[in-house]
Amino acid sequence: VEPRTPPGEVYVTGSAAALLALEPLADVTPEYVGQLQLAKDYQVRPMYVLRRRWAPSRRPVQEIG
């Protein structure tokens, strides 16, 4: 998978994406990117990119006091 992943992104297979999608405390969520030909003509597989669950522009609320 790694040779086909764009710089700065993390791709996972459908199995890993399914497990992450079911994990309520995961900081990331999988987003389908399509069928990807793996390196060395291994296989064509559905792939998912990991995205943070919250928008990067949002900041956590700080408690006062």
C-alpha atoms as a PDB file:
ATOM      1  CA  VAL A   1       0.000   0.000   0.000  1.00  0.00           C
ATOM      2  CA  GLU A   2       2.739   2.446   0.993  1.00  0.00           C
ATOM      3  CA  PRO A   3       4.232   3.036  -2.494  1.00  0.00           C
ATOM      4  CA  ARG A   4       0.778   4.081  -3.782  1.00  0.00           C
ATOM      5  CA  THR A   5      -0.122   6.382  -0.876  1.00  0.00           C
ATOM      6  CA  PRO A   6       0.239  10.137  -1.522  1.00  0.00           C
ATOM      7  CA  PRO A   7       2.717  11.963   0.756  1.00  0.00           C
ATOM      8  CA  GLY A   8       1.172  13.074   4.040  1.00  0.00           C
ATOM      9  CA  GLU A   9      -1.742  10.627   3.886  1.00  0.00           C
ATOM     10  CA  VAL A  10      -2.436   7.230   5.441  1.00  0.00           C
ATOM     11  CA  TYR A  11      -4.239   4.593   3.388  1.00  0.00           C
ATOM     12  CA  VAL A  12      -5.759   1.434   4.839  1.00  0.00           C
ATOM     13  CA  THR A  13      -7.529  -1.597   3.419  1.00  0.00           C
ATOM     14  CA  GLY A  14     -11.236  -2.279   3.781  1.00  0.00           C
ATOM     15  CA  SER A  15     -10.662  -4.559   6.781  1.00  0.00           C
ATOM     16  CA  ALA A  16      -8.837  -1.888   8.759  1.00  0.00           C
ATOM     17  CA  ALA A  17     -11.365   0.748   7.673  1.00  0.00           C
ATOM     18  CA  ALA A  18     -14.252  -1.403   8.928  1.00  0.00           C
ATOM     19  CA  LEU A  19     -12.635  -1.855  12.333  1.00  0.00           C
ATOM     20  CA  LEU A  20     -11.928   1.872  12.666  1.00  0.00           C
ATOM     21  CA  ALA A  21     -15.449   2.813  11.583  1.00  0.00           C
ATOM     22  CA  LEU A  22     -16.848   0.717  14.446  1.00  0.00           C
ATOM     23  CA  GLU A  23     -14.524   2.186  17.080  1.00  0.00           C
ATOM     24  CA  PRO A  24     -16.324   5.123  18.755  1.00  0.00           C
ATOM     25  CA  LEU A  25     -13.156   6.413  20.453  1.00  0.00           C
ATOM     26  CA  ALA A  26     -10.946   6.420  17.357  1.00  0.00           C
ATOM     27  CA  ASP A  27      -9.469   9.810  16.480  1.00  0.00           C
ATOM     28  CA  VAL A  28      -9.710   9.014  12.766  1.00  0.00           C
ATOM     29  CA  THR A  29     -12.389   7.943  10.347  1.00  0.00           C
ATOM     30  CA  PRO A  30     -11.875   6.131   7.042  1.00  0.00           C
ATOM     31  CA  GLU A  31     -12.948   7.806   3.791  1.00  0.00           C
ATOM     32  CA  TYR A  32     -13.269   5.720   0.620  1.00  0.00           C
ATOM     33  CA  VAL A  33     -10.842   6.746  -2.130  1.00  0.00           C
ATOM     34  CA  GLY A  34     -11.601   4.016  -4.668  1.00  0.00           C
ATOM     35  CA  GLN A  35     -10.061   0.914  -6.177  1.00  0.00           C
ATOM     36  CA  LEU A  36      -6.267   1.136  -6.104  1.00  0.00           C
ATOM     37  CA  GLN A  37      -3.753  -0.969  -8.011  1.00  0.00           C
ATOM     38  CA  LEU A  38      -1.184  -2.042  -5.444  1.00  0.00           C
ATOM     39  CA  ALA A  39       2.560  -2.009  -6.096  1.00  0.00           C
ATOM     40  CA  LYS A  40       4.146  -4.657  -8.306  1.00  0.00           C
ATOM     41  CA  ASP A  41       0.735  -5.410  -9.857  1.00  0.00           C
ATOM     42  CA  TYR A  42      -0.207  -7.340  -6.721  1.00  0.00           C
ATOM     43  CA  GLN A  43      -3.971  -6.695  -6.695  1.00  0.00           C
ATOM     44  CA  VAL A  44      -6.604  -4.041  -7.125  1.00  0.00           C
ATOM     45  CA  ARG A  45      -8.138  -3.332  -3.717  1.00  0.00           C
ATOM     46  CA  PRO A  46     -10.653  -0.864  -2.285  1.00  0.00           C
ATOM     47  CA  MET A  47      -8.670   1.671  -0.266  1.00  0.00           C
ATOM     48  CA  TYR A  48      -9.541   4.246   2.365  1.00  0.00           C
ATOM     49  CA  VAL A  49      -7.708   7.342   3.557  1.00  0.00           C
ATOM     50  CA  LEU A  50      -7.735   8.166   7.258  1.00  0.00           C
ATOM     51  CA  ARG A  51      -9.109  11.570   8.217  1.00  0.00           C
ATOM     52  CA  ARG A  52      -9.312  13.168  11.628  1.00  0.00           C
ATOM     53  CA  ARG A  53     -12.832  13.052  13.075  1.00  0.00           C
ATOM     54  CA  TRP A  54     -12.793  16.780  13.802  1.00  0.00           C
ATOM     55  CA  ALA A  55     -11.941  19.621  11.474  1.00  0.00           C
ATOM     56  CA  PRO A  56      -8.393  20.930  11.996  1.00  0.00           C
ATOM     57  CA  SER A  57      -9.736  24.486  12.216  1.00  0.00           C
ATOM     58  CA  ARG A  58     -11.755  23.617  15.333  1.00  0.00           C
ATOM     59  CA  ARG A  59     -10.038  23.998  18.638  1.00  0.00           C
ATOM     60  CA  PRO A  60     -11.007  22.067  21.764  1.00  0.00           C
ATOM     61  CA  VAL A  61     -12.987  24.098  24.284  1.00  0.00           C
ATOM     62  CA  GLN A  62     -10.829  25.119  27.228  1.00  0.00           C
ATOM     63  CA  GLU A  63     -12.276  25.047  30.698  1.00  0.00           C
ATOM     64  CA  ILE A  64     -11.989  28.261  32.683  1.00  0.00           C
ATOM     65  CA  GLY A  65     -11.170  28.090  36.354  1.00  0.00           C
END
